[in-house]
Full PDB file with SEQRES, HELIX, SHEET, SSBOND, CRYST1, ORIGX, SCALE, CONECT and MASTER records, all heavy atoms in Angstrom:
SEQRES   1 A   37  GLU ASN VAL LEU ASP VAL LEU ARG GLY GLY ILE ASP SER          
SEQRES   2 A   37  THR LEU LEU GLY LEU GLY LYS ALA GLY VAL GLY GLU LEU          
SEQRES   3 A   37  SER ARG ASP ASP VAL VAL VAL PRO PRO GLU PHE                  
HELIX    1 AA1 ASN A    2  LEU A   18  1                                  17    
HELIX    2 AA2 VAL A   23  GLU A   25  5                                   3    
HELIX    3 AA3 ARG A   28  ASP A   30  5                                   3    
CRYST1    1.000    1.000    1.000  90.00  90.00  90.00 P 1           1          
ORIGX1      1.000000  0.000000  0.000000        0.00000                         
ORIGX2      0.000000  1.000000  0.000000        0.00000                         
ORIGX3      0.000000  0.000000  1.000000        0.00000                         
SCALE1      1.000000  0.000000  0.000000        0.00000                         
SCALE2      0.000000  1.000000  0.000000        0.00000                         
SCALE3      0.000000  0.000000  1.000000        0.00000                         
ATOM      1  N   GLU A   1      10.280 -13.436  11.763  1.00  0.00           N  
ATOM      2  CA  GLU A   1      11.059 -12.685  10.693  1.00  0.00           C  
ATOM      3  C   GLU A   1      10.374 -12.979   9.363  1.00  0.00           C  
ATOM      4  O   GLU A   1      10.252 -12.006   8.400  1.00  0.00           O  
ATOM      5  CB  GLU A   1      12.475 -13.158  10.759  1.00  0.00           C  
ATOM      6  CG  GLU A   1      13.114 -12.764  12.033  1.00  0.00           C  
ATOM      7  CD  GLU A   1      14.531 -13.254  12.103  1.00  0.00           C  
ATOM      8  OE1 GLU A   1      15.078 -13.962  11.195  1.00  0.00           O  
ATOM      9  OE2 GLU A   1      15.239 -12.869  13.133  1.00  0.00           O  
ATOM     10  N   ASN A   2       9.960 -14.081   8.957  1.00  0.00           N  
ATOM     11  CA  ASN A   2       9.399 -14.559   7.782  1.00  0.00           C  
ATOM     12  C   ASN A   2       8.001 -13.594   7.547  1.00  0.00           C  
ATOM     13  O   ASN A   2       7.706 -13.166   6.522  1.00  0.00           O  
ATOM     14  CB  ASN A   2       9.082 -16.002   7.615  1.00  0.00           C  
ATOM     15  CG  ASN A   2       8.409 -16.252   6.230  1.00  0.00           C  
ATOM     16  OD1 ASN A   2       7.255 -16.604   6.181  1.00  0.00           O  
ATOM     17  ND2 ASN A   2       9.257 -16.178   5.214  1.00  0.00           N  
ATOM     18  N   VAL A   3       7.257 -13.635   8.583  1.00  0.00           N  
ATOM     19  CA  VAL A   3       5.948 -12.835   8.493  1.00  0.00           C  
ATOM     20  C   VAL A   3       6.335 -11.359   8.307  1.00  0.00           C  
ATOM     21  O   VAL A   3       5.547 -10.751   7.475  1.00  0.00           O  
ATOM     22  CB  VAL A   3       5.192 -13.081   9.944  1.00  0.00           C  
ATOM     23  CG1 VAL A   3       4.003 -11.985   9.991  1.00  0.00           C  
ATOM     24  CG2 VAL A   3       4.627 -14.441   9.979  1.00  0.00           C  
ATOM     25  N   LEU A   4       7.303 -10.828   9.045  1.00  0.00           N  
ATOM     26  CA  LEU A   4       7.605  -9.424   8.740  1.00  0.00           C  
ATOM     27  C   LEU A   4       7.998  -9.192   7.298  1.00  0.00           C  
ATOM     28  O   LEU A   4       7.728  -8.168   6.715  1.00  0.00           O  
ATOM     29  CB  LEU A   4       8.539  -8.949   9.815  1.00  0.00           C  
ATOM     30  CG  LEU A   4       8.150  -8.938  11.243  1.00  0.00           C  
ATOM     31  CD1 LEU A   4       9.279  -8.794  12.285  1.00  0.00           C  
ATOM     32  CD2 LEU A   4       6.921  -8.091  11.423  1.00  0.00           C  
ATOM     33  N   ASP A   5       8.909 -10.135   6.853  1.00  0.00           N  
ATOM     34  CA  ASP A   5       9.409 -10.114   5.466  1.00  0.00           C  
ATOM     35  C   ASP A   5       8.288 -10.024   4.462  1.00  0.00           C  
ATOM     36  O   ASP A   5       8.192  -9.324   3.472  1.00  0.00           O  
ATOM     37  CB  ASP A   5      10.263 -11.227   5.006  1.00  0.00           C  
ATOM     38  CG  ASP A   5      11.650 -10.972   5.912  1.00  0.00           C  
ATOM     39  OD1 ASP A   5      11.999  -9.888   6.233  1.00  0.00           O  
ATOM     40  OD2 ASP A   5      12.442 -12.015   5.824  1.00  0.00           O  
ATOM     41  N   VAL A   6       7.166 -10.956   4.740  1.00  0.00           N  
ATOM     42  CA  VAL A   6       6.086 -11.057   3.792  1.00  0.00           C  
ATOM     43  C   VAL A   6       5.271  -9.829   3.848  1.00  0.00           C  
ATOM     44  O   VAL A   6       4.827  -9.270   2.809  1.00  0.00           O  
ATOM     45  CB  VAL A   6       5.235 -12.324   4.092  1.00  0.00           C  
ATOM     46  CG1 VAL A   6       3.749 -12.164   3.560  1.00  0.00           C  
ATOM     47  CG2 VAL A   6       5.833 -13.655   3.893  1.00  0.00           C  
ATOM     48  N   LEU A   7       5.048  -9.231   5.053  1.00  0.00           N  
ATOM     49  CA  LEU A   7       4.276  -8.034   5.192  1.00  0.00           C  
ATOM     50  C   LEU A   7       5.050  -6.793   4.444  1.00  0.00           C  
ATOM     51  O   LEU A   7       4.510  -6.051   3.685  1.00  0.00           O  
ATOM     52  CB  LEU A   7       4.192  -7.624   6.603  1.00  0.00           C  
ATOM     53  CG  LEU A   7       3.121  -8.339   7.412  1.00  0.00           C  
ATOM     54  CD1 LEU A   7       2.982  -8.134   8.794  1.00  0.00           C  
ATOM     55  CD2 LEU A   7       1.635  -8.066   6.791  1.00  0.00           C  
ATOM     56  N   ARG A   8       6.429  -6.798   4.692  1.00  0.00           N  
ATOM     57  CA  ARG A   8       7.187  -5.608   4.089  1.00  0.00           C  
ATOM     58  C   ARG A   8       7.182  -5.976   2.434  1.00  0.00           C  
ATOM     59  O   ARG A   8       6.972  -4.973   1.702  1.00  0.00           O  
ATOM     60  CB  ARG A   8       8.676  -5.877   4.454  1.00  0.00           C  
ATOM     61  CG  ARG A   8       9.516  -4.779   3.920  1.00  0.00           C  
ATOM     62  CD  ARG A   8       9.159  -3.449   4.100  1.00  0.00           C  
ATOM     63  NE  ARG A   8       9.729  -2.392   3.320  1.00  0.00           N  
ATOM     64  CZ  ARG A   8       9.941  -1.253   3.684  1.00  0.00           C  
ATOM     65  NH1 ARG A   8       9.563  -0.821   4.814  1.00  0.00           N  
ATOM     66  NH2 ARG A   8      10.602  -0.325   2.842  1.00  0.00           N  
ATOM     67  N   GLY A   9       7.272  -7.159   1.984  1.00  0.00           N  
ATOM     68  CA  GLY A   9       7.129  -7.312   0.599  1.00  0.00           C  
ATOM     69  C   GLY A   9       5.868  -6.963   0.030  1.00  0.00           C  
ATOM     70  O   GLY A   9       5.613  -6.358  -1.013  1.00  0.00           O  
ATOM     71  N   GLY A  10       4.775  -7.200   0.798  1.00  0.00           N  
ATOM     72  CA  GLY A  10       3.412  -6.748   0.324  1.00  0.00           C  
ATOM     73  C   GLY A  10       3.201  -5.235   0.339  1.00  0.00           C  
ATOM     74  O   GLY A  10       2.543  -4.778  -0.618  1.00  0.00           O  
ATOM     75  N   ILE A  11       3.905  -4.507   1.279  1.00  0.00           N  
ATOM     76  CA  ILE A  11       3.896  -3.173   1.338  1.00  0.00           C  
ATOM     77  C   ILE A  11       4.506  -2.537   0.104  1.00  0.00           C  
ATOM     78  O   ILE A  11       4.048  -1.650  -0.492  1.00  0.00           O  
ATOM     79  CB  ILE A  11       4.469  -2.596   2.670  1.00  0.00           C  
ATOM     80  CG1 ILE A  11       3.624  -2.888   3.846  1.00  0.00           C  
ATOM     81  CG2 ILE A  11       4.707  -1.025   2.500  1.00  0.00           C  
ATOM     82  CD1 ILE A  11       4.277  -2.685   5.201  1.00  0.00           C  
ATOM     83  N   ASP A  12       5.764  -3.174  -0.074  1.00  0.00           N  
ATOM     84  CA  ASP A  12       6.571  -2.627  -1.331  1.00  0.00           C  
ATOM     85  C   ASP A  12       5.855  -2.969  -2.643  1.00  0.00           C  
ATOM     86  O   ASP A  12       5.769  -2.021  -3.493  1.00  0.00           O  
ATOM     87  CB  ASP A  12       7.882  -3.393  -1.287  1.00  0.00           C  
ATOM     88  CG  ASP A  12       8.939  -2.893  -0.135  1.00  0.00           C  
ATOM     89  OD1 ASP A  12       8.567  -1.809   0.461  1.00  0.00           O  
ATOM     90  OD2 ASP A  12       9.910  -3.599   0.103  1.00  0.00           O  
ATOM     91  N   SER A  13       5.159  -4.132  -2.808  1.00  0.00           N  
ATOM     92  CA  SER A  13       4.446  -4.382  -4.071  1.00  0.00           C  
ATOM     93  C   SER A  13       3.314  -3.397  -4.192  1.00  0.00           C  
ATOM     94  O   SER A  13       3.043  -2.936  -5.281  1.00  0.00           O  
ATOM     95  CB  SER A  13       4.039  -5.850  -3.981  1.00  0.00           C  
ATOM     96  OG  SER A  13       5.133  -6.737  -3.992  1.00  0.00           O  
ATOM     97  N   THR A  14       2.539  -3.102  -3.153  1.00  0.00           N  
ATOM     98  CA  THR A  14       1.485  -2.265  -3.215  1.00  0.00           C  
ATOM     99  C   THR A  14       1.781  -0.947  -3.564  1.00  0.00           C  
ATOM    100  O   THR A  14       1.081  -0.184  -4.438  1.00  0.00           O  
ATOM    101  CB  THR A  14       0.580  -2.400  -1.869  1.00  0.00           C  
ATOM    102  OG1 THR A  14       0.321  -3.660  -1.658  1.00  0.00           O  
ATOM    103  CG2 THR A  14      -0.679  -1.461  -2.039  1.00  0.00           C  
ATOM    104  N   LEU A  15       2.875  -0.373  -2.879  1.00  0.00           N  
ATOM    105  CA  LEU A  15       3.464   0.905  -3.283  1.00  0.00           C  
ATOM    106  C   LEU A  15       3.972   1.053  -4.784  1.00  0.00           C  
ATOM    107  O   LEU A  15       3.470   2.030  -5.467  1.00  0.00           O  
ATOM    108  CB  LEU A  15       4.565   1.282  -2.378  1.00  0.00           C  
ATOM    109  CG  LEU A  15       4.176   1.658  -0.818  1.00  0.00           C  
ATOM    110  CD1 LEU A  15       5.459   1.744  -0.013  1.00  0.00           C  
ATOM    111  CD2 LEU A  15       3.274   2.871  -0.757  1.00  0.00           C  
ATOM    112  N   LEU A  16       4.497  -0.031  -5.232  1.00  0.00           N  
ATOM    113  CA  LEU A  16       5.068  -0.110  -6.540  1.00  0.00           C  
ATOM    114  C   LEU A  16       3.779  -0.027  -7.495  1.00  0.00           C  
ATOM    115  O   LEU A  16       3.741   0.730  -8.464  1.00  0.00           O  
ATOM    116  CB  LEU A  16       5.911  -1.318  -6.819  1.00  0.00           C  
ATOM    117  CG  LEU A  16       6.403  -1.461  -8.175  1.00  0.00           C  
ATOM    118  CD1 LEU A  16       7.317  -0.417  -8.487  1.00  0.00           C  
ATOM    119  CD2 LEU A  16       7.114  -2.866  -8.300  1.00  0.00           C  
ATOM    120  N   GLY A  17       2.729  -0.836  -7.186  1.00  0.00           N  
ATOM    121  CA  GLY A  17       1.495  -0.843  -7.986  1.00  0.00           C  
ATOM    122  C   GLY A  17       0.881   0.567  -8.067  1.00  0.00           C  
ATOM    123  O   GLY A  17       0.075   0.880  -9.008  1.00  0.00           O  
ATOM    124  N   LEU A  18       0.875   1.346  -6.952  1.00  0.00           N  
ATOM    125  CA  LEU A  18       0.274   2.515  -6.931  1.00  0.00           C  
ATOM    126  C   LEU A  18       1.205   3.671  -7.493  1.00  0.00           C  
ATOM    127  O   LEU A  18       0.799   4.781  -7.647  1.00  0.00           O  
ATOM    128  CB  LEU A  18      -0.020   2.969  -5.423  1.00  0.00           C  
ATOM    129  CG  LEU A  18      -1.161   2.185  -4.788  1.00  0.00           C  
ATOM    130  CD1 LEU A  18      -1.219   2.446  -3.317  1.00  0.00           C  
ATOM    131  CD2 LEU A  18      -2.482   2.487  -5.388  1.00  0.00           C  
ATOM    132  N   GLY A  19       2.448   3.284  -7.778  1.00  0.00           N  
ATOM    133  CA  GLY A  19       3.280   4.379  -8.300  1.00  0.00           C  
ATOM    134  C   GLY A  19       3.924   5.210  -7.277  1.00  0.00           C  
ATOM    135  O   GLY A  19       4.245   6.450  -7.649  1.00  0.00           O  
ATOM    136  N   LYS A  20       3.919   4.757  -6.114  1.00  0.00           N  
ATOM    137  CA  LYS A  20       4.466   5.556  -4.936  1.00  0.00           C  
ATOM    138  C   LYS A  20       5.776   5.007  -4.538  1.00  0.00           C  
ATOM    139  O   LYS A  20       6.172   3.964  -4.433  1.00  0.00           O  
ATOM    140  CB  LYS A  20       3.553   5.400  -3.670  1.00  0.00           C  
ATOM    141  CG  LYS A  20       2.049   5.722  -4.064  1.00  0.00           C  
ATOM    142  CD  LYS A  20       1.726   7.184  -4.387  1.00  0.00           C  
ATOM    143  CE  LYS A  20       0.341   7.332  -4.592  1.00  0.00           C  
ATOM    144  NZ  LYS A  20      -0.046   8.759  -4.863  1.00  0.00           N  
ATOM    145  N   ALA A  21       6.639   6.118  -4.086  1.00  0.00           N  
ATOM    146  CA  ALA A  21       8.064   5.877  -3.710  1.00  0.00           C  
ATOM    147  C   ALA A  21       8.135   5.409  -2.285  1.00  0.00           C  
ATOM    148  O   ALA A  21       9.031   4.811  -1.776  1.00  0.00           O  
ATOM    149  CB  ALA A  21       8.971   7.021  -4.030  1.00  0.00           C  
ATOM    150  N   GLY A  22       7.025   5.829  -1.441  1.00  0.00           N  
ATOM    151  CA  GLY A  22       7.123   5.412  -0.070  1.00  0.00           C  
ATOM    152  C   GLY A  22       5.688   5.727   0.707  1.00  0.00           C  
ATOM    153  O   GLY A  22       4.820   6.360  -0.032  1.00  0.00           O  
ATOM    154  N   VAL A  23       5.496   5.282   1.723  1.00  0.00           N  
ATOM    155  CA  VAL A  23       4.199   5.614   2.397  1.00  0.00           C  
ATOM    156  C   VAL A  23       3.802   6.980   2.708  1.00  0.00           C  
ATOM    157  O   VAL A  23       2.633   7.345   2.813  1.00  0.00           O  
ATOM    158  CB  VAL A  23       4.018   4.764   3.807  1.00  0.00           C  
ATOM    159  CG1 VAL A  23       4.210   3.244   3.542  1.00  0.00           C  
ATOM    160  CG2 VAL A  23       5.240   5.306   4.803  1.00  0.00           C  
ATOM    161  N   GLY A  24       4.730   7.834   2.709  1.00  0.00           N  
ATOM    162  CA  GLY A  24       4.482   9.280   2.885  1.00  0.00           C  
ATOM    163  C   GLY A  24       3.950  10.000   1.753  1.00  0.00           C  
ATOM    164  O   GLY A  24       3.271  11.042   1.885  1.00  0.00           O  
ATOM    165  N   GLU A  25       3.839   9.273   0.619  1.00  0.00           N  
ATOM    166  CA  GLU A  25       3.102   9.746  -0.643  1.00  0.00           C  
ATOM    167  C   GLU A  25       1.666   9.256  -0.671  1.00  0.00           C  
ATOM    168  O   GLU A  25       0.940   9.731  -1.602  1.00  0.00           O  
ATOM    169  CB  GLU A  25       3.791   9.360  -1.883  1.00  0.00           C  
ATOM    170  CG  GLU A  25       5.239   9.994  -1.958  1.00  0.00           C  
ATOM    171  CD  GLU A  25       5.985   9.535  -3.254  1.00  0.00           C  
ATOM    172  OE1 GLU A  25       5.336   8.935  -4.138  1.00  0.00           O  
ATOM    173  OE2 GLU A  25       7.195   9.633  -3.489  1.00  0.00           O  
ATOM    174  N   LEU A  26       1.150   8.495   0.296  1.00  0.00           N  
ATOM    175  CA  LEU A  26      -0.024   8.024   0.250  1.00  0.00           C  
ATOM    176  C   LEU A  26      -1.179   9.031   0.568  1.00  0.00           C  
ATOM    177  O   LEU A  26      -0.926   9.954   1.354  1.00  0.00           O  
ATOM    178  CB  LEU A  26      -0.227   6.715   1.136  1.00  0.00           C  
ATOM    179  CG  LEU A  26       0.559   5.453   0.735  1.00  0.00           C  
ATOM    180  CD1 LEU A  26       0.524   4.586   1.933  1.00  0.00           C  
ATOM    181  CD2 LEU A  26      -0.017   4.900  -0.516  1.00  0.00           C  
ATOM    182  N   SER A  27      -2.386   8.844  -0.023  1.00  0.00           N  
ATOM    183  CA  SER A  27      -3.482   9.676   0.365  1.00  0.00           C  
ATOM    184  C   SER A  27      -4.733   8.857   0.327  1.00  0.00           C  
ATOM    185  O   SER A  27      -4.740   7.679  -0.201  1.00  0.00           O  
ATOM    186  CB  SER A  27      -3.635  10.887  -0.620  1.00  0.00           C  
ATOM    187  OG  SER A  27      -4.075  10.486  -1.803  1.00  0.00           O  
ATOM    188  N   ARG A  28      -5.813   9.374   0.769  1.00  0.00           N  
ATOM    189  CA  ARG A  28      -7.134   8.685   0.718  1.00  0.00           C  
ATOM    190  C   ARG A  28      -7.621   8.331  -0.711  1.00  0.00           C  
ATOM    191  O   ARG A  28      -8.270   7.387  -0.872  1.00  0.00           O  
ATOM    192  CB  ARG A  28      -8.165   9.389   1.416  1.00  0.00           C  
ATOM    193  CG  ARG A  28      -7.978   9.433   2.894  1.00  0.00           C  
ATOM    194  CD  ARG A  28      -9.309   9.942   3.612  1.00  0.00           C  
ATOM    195  NE  ARG A  28      -8.890  10.137   5.137  1.00  0.00           N  
ATOM    196  CZ  ARG A  28      -9.578  10.601   5.940  1.00  0.00           C  
ATOM    197  NH1 ARG A  28     -10.768  11.330   5.499  1.00  0.00           N  
ATOM    198  NH2 ARG A  28      -9.298  10.618   7.235  1.00  0.00           N  
ATOM    199  N   ASP A  29      -7.191   9.092  -1.659  1.00  0.00           N  
ATOM    200  CA  ASP A  29      -7.455   8.820  -3.122  1.00  0.00           C  
ATOM    201  C   ASP A  29      -6.734   7.533  -3.564  1.00  0.00           C  
ATOM    202  O   ASP A  29      -7.316   7.015  -4.617  1.00  0.00           O  
ATOM    203  CB  ASP A  29      -6.798   9.988  -3.844  1.00  0.00           C  
ATOM    204  CG  ASP A  29      -7.682  11.334  -3.598  1.00  0.00           C  
ATOM    205  OD1 ASP A  29      -8.750  11.266  -3.191  1.00  0.00           O  
ATOM    206  OD2 ASP A  29      -7.128  12.359  -3.858  1.00  0.00           O  
ATOM    207  N   ASP A  30      -5.915   6.992  -2.772  1.00  0.00           N  
ATOM    208  CA  ASP A  30      -5.301   5.716  -3.263  1.00  0.00           C  
ATOM    209  C   ASP A  30      -6.035   4.527  -2.849  1.00  0.00           C  
ATOM    210  O   ASP A  30      -5.821   3.330  -3.161  1.00  0.00           O  
ATOM    211  CB  ASP A  30      -3.888   5.465  -2.645  1.00  0.00           C  
ATOM    212  CG  ASP A  30      -2.870   6.639  -3.096  1.00  0.00           C  
ATOM    213  OD1 ASP A  30      -2.993   6.917  -4.457  1.00  0.00           O  
ATOM    214  OD2 ASP A  30      -2.181   7.216  -2.400  1.00  0.00           O  
ATOM    215  N   VAL A  31      -7.249   4.713  -2.087  1.00  0.00           N  
ATOM    216  CA  VAL A  31      -8.169   3.713  -1.573  1.00  0.00           C  
ATOM    217  C   VAL A  31      -9.457   3.876  -2.313  1.00  0.00           C  
ATOM    218  O   VAL A  31     -10.158   4.812  -2.111  1.00  0.00           O  
ATOM    219  CB  VAL A  31      -8.265   3.566  -0.039  1.00  0.00           C  
ATOM    220  CG1 VAL A  31      -9.107   2.486   0.337  1.00  0.00           C  
ATOM    221  CG2 VAL A  31      -6.861   3.600   0.562  1.00  0.00           C  
ATOM    222  N   VAL A  32      -9.794   2.849  -3.097  1.00  0.00           N  
ATOM    223  CA  VAL A  32     -11.047   3.122  -3.841  1.00  0.00           C  
ATOM    224  C   VAL A  32     -12.014   1.977  -3.278  1.00  0.00           C  
ATOM    225  O   VAL A  32     -11.910   0.795  -3.304  1.00  0.00           O  
ATOM    226  CB  VAL A  32     -10.785   2.595  -5.355  1.00  0.00           C  
ATOM    227  CG1 VAL A  32     -12.116   2.779  -6.181  1.00  0.00           C  
ATOM    228  CG2 VAL A  32      -9.805   3.643  -6.033  1.00  0.00           C  
ATOM    229  N   VAL A  33     -13.249   2.560  -2.675  1.00  0.00           N  
ATOM    230  CA  VAL A  33     -14.169   1.719  -2.042  1.00  0.00           C  
ATOM    231  C   VAL A  33     -15.569   2.524  -2.360  1.00  0.00           C  
ATOM    232  O   VAL A  33     -15.537   3.722  -2.535  1.00  0.00           O  
ATOM    233  CB  VAL A  33     -14.027   1.702  -0.651  1.00  0.00           C  
ATOM    234  CG1 VAL A  33     -12.758   0.785  -0.294  1.00  0.00           C  
ATOM    235  CG2 VAL A  33     -14.004   2.869   0.190  1.00  0.00           C  
ATOM    236  N   PRO A  34     -16.572   1.675  -2.295  1.00  0.00           N  
ATOM    237  CA  PRO A  34     -17.798   2.441  -2.368  1.00  0.00           C  
ATOM    238  C   PRO A  34     -18.118   3.423  -1.313  1.00  0.00           C  
ATOM    239  O   PRO A  34     -17.639   3.274  -0.240  1.00  0.00           O  
ATOM    240  CB  PRO A  34     -18.954   1.378  -2.281  1.00  0.00           C  
ATOM    241  CG  PRO A  34     -18.133   0.121  -2.333  1.00  0.00           C  
ATOM    242  CD  PRO A  34     -16.734   0.304  -2.041  1.00  0.00           C  
ATOM    243  N   PRO A  35     -18.867   4.538  -1.574  1.00  0.00           N  
ATOM    244  CA  PRO A  35     -19.103   5.599  -0.600  1.00  0.00           C  
ATOM    245  C   PRO A  35     -19.733   5.113   0.654  1.00  0.00           C  
ATOM    246  O   PRO A  35     -19.380   5.527   1.774  1.00  0.00           O  
ATOM    247  CB  PRO A  35     -20.097   6.491  -1.265  1.00  0.00           C  
ATOM    248  CG  PRO A  35     -19.977   6.302  -2.647  1.00  0.00           C  
ATOM    249  CD  PRO A  35     -19.637   4.842  -2.939  1.00  0.00           C  
ATOM    250  N   GLU A  36     -20.573   4.150   0.710  1.00  0.00           N  
ATOM    251  CA  GLU A  36     -21.181   3.534   1.808  1.00  0.00           C  
ATOM    252  C   GLU A  36     -20.244   2.563   2.653  1.00  0.00           C  
ATOM    253  O   GLU A  36     -20.583   2.077   3.767  1.00  0.00           O  
ATOM    254  CB  GLU A  36     -22.430   2.954   1.619  1.00  0.00           C  
ATOM    255  CG  GLU A  36     -22.367   1.600   0.760  1.00  0.00           C  
ATOM    256  CD  GLU A  36     -22.229   1.846  -0.764  1.00  0.00           C  
ATOM    257  OE1 GLU A  36     -22.232   3.007  -1.231  1.00  0.00           O  
ATOM    258  OE2 GLU A  36     -22.189   0.890  -1.573  1.00  0.00           O  
ATOM    259  N   PHE A  37     -18.963   2.379   2.165  1.00  0.00           N  
ATOM    260  CA  PHE A  37     -18.066   1.441   2.895  1.00  0.00           C  
ATOM    261  C   PHE A  37     -17.669   2.164   4.374  1.00  0.00           C  
ATOM    262  O   PHE A  37     -17.630   1.285   5.321  1.00  0.00           O  
ATOM    263  CB  PHE A  37     -16.847   1.469   1.967  1.00  0.00           C  
ATOM    264  CG  PHE A  37     -15.780   0.498   2.642  1.00  0.00           C  
ATOM    265  CD1 PHE A  37     -15.820  -0.878   2.662  1.00  0.00           C  
ATOM    266  CD2 PHE A  37     -14.769   1.145   3.440  1.00  0.00           C  
ATOM    267  CE1 PHE A  37     -14.824  -1.540   3.366  1.00  0.00           C  
ATOM    268  CE2 PHE A  37     -13.691   0.448   3.989  1.00  0.00           C  
ATOM    269  CZ  PHE A  37     -13.786  -0.957   3.867  1.00  0.00           C  
TER     270      PHE A  37                                                      
MASTER        0    0    0    3    0    0    0    6  269    1    0    3          
END                                                                             
């Protein structure tokens, strides 16, 4: 349960940092990596 809580907290924090209300708003533009990645 603790592991799941930590993962959920990390998901929520990341969404907050991206300015997204939920995972349904995510797009590839939210992931910044070099083209050769």
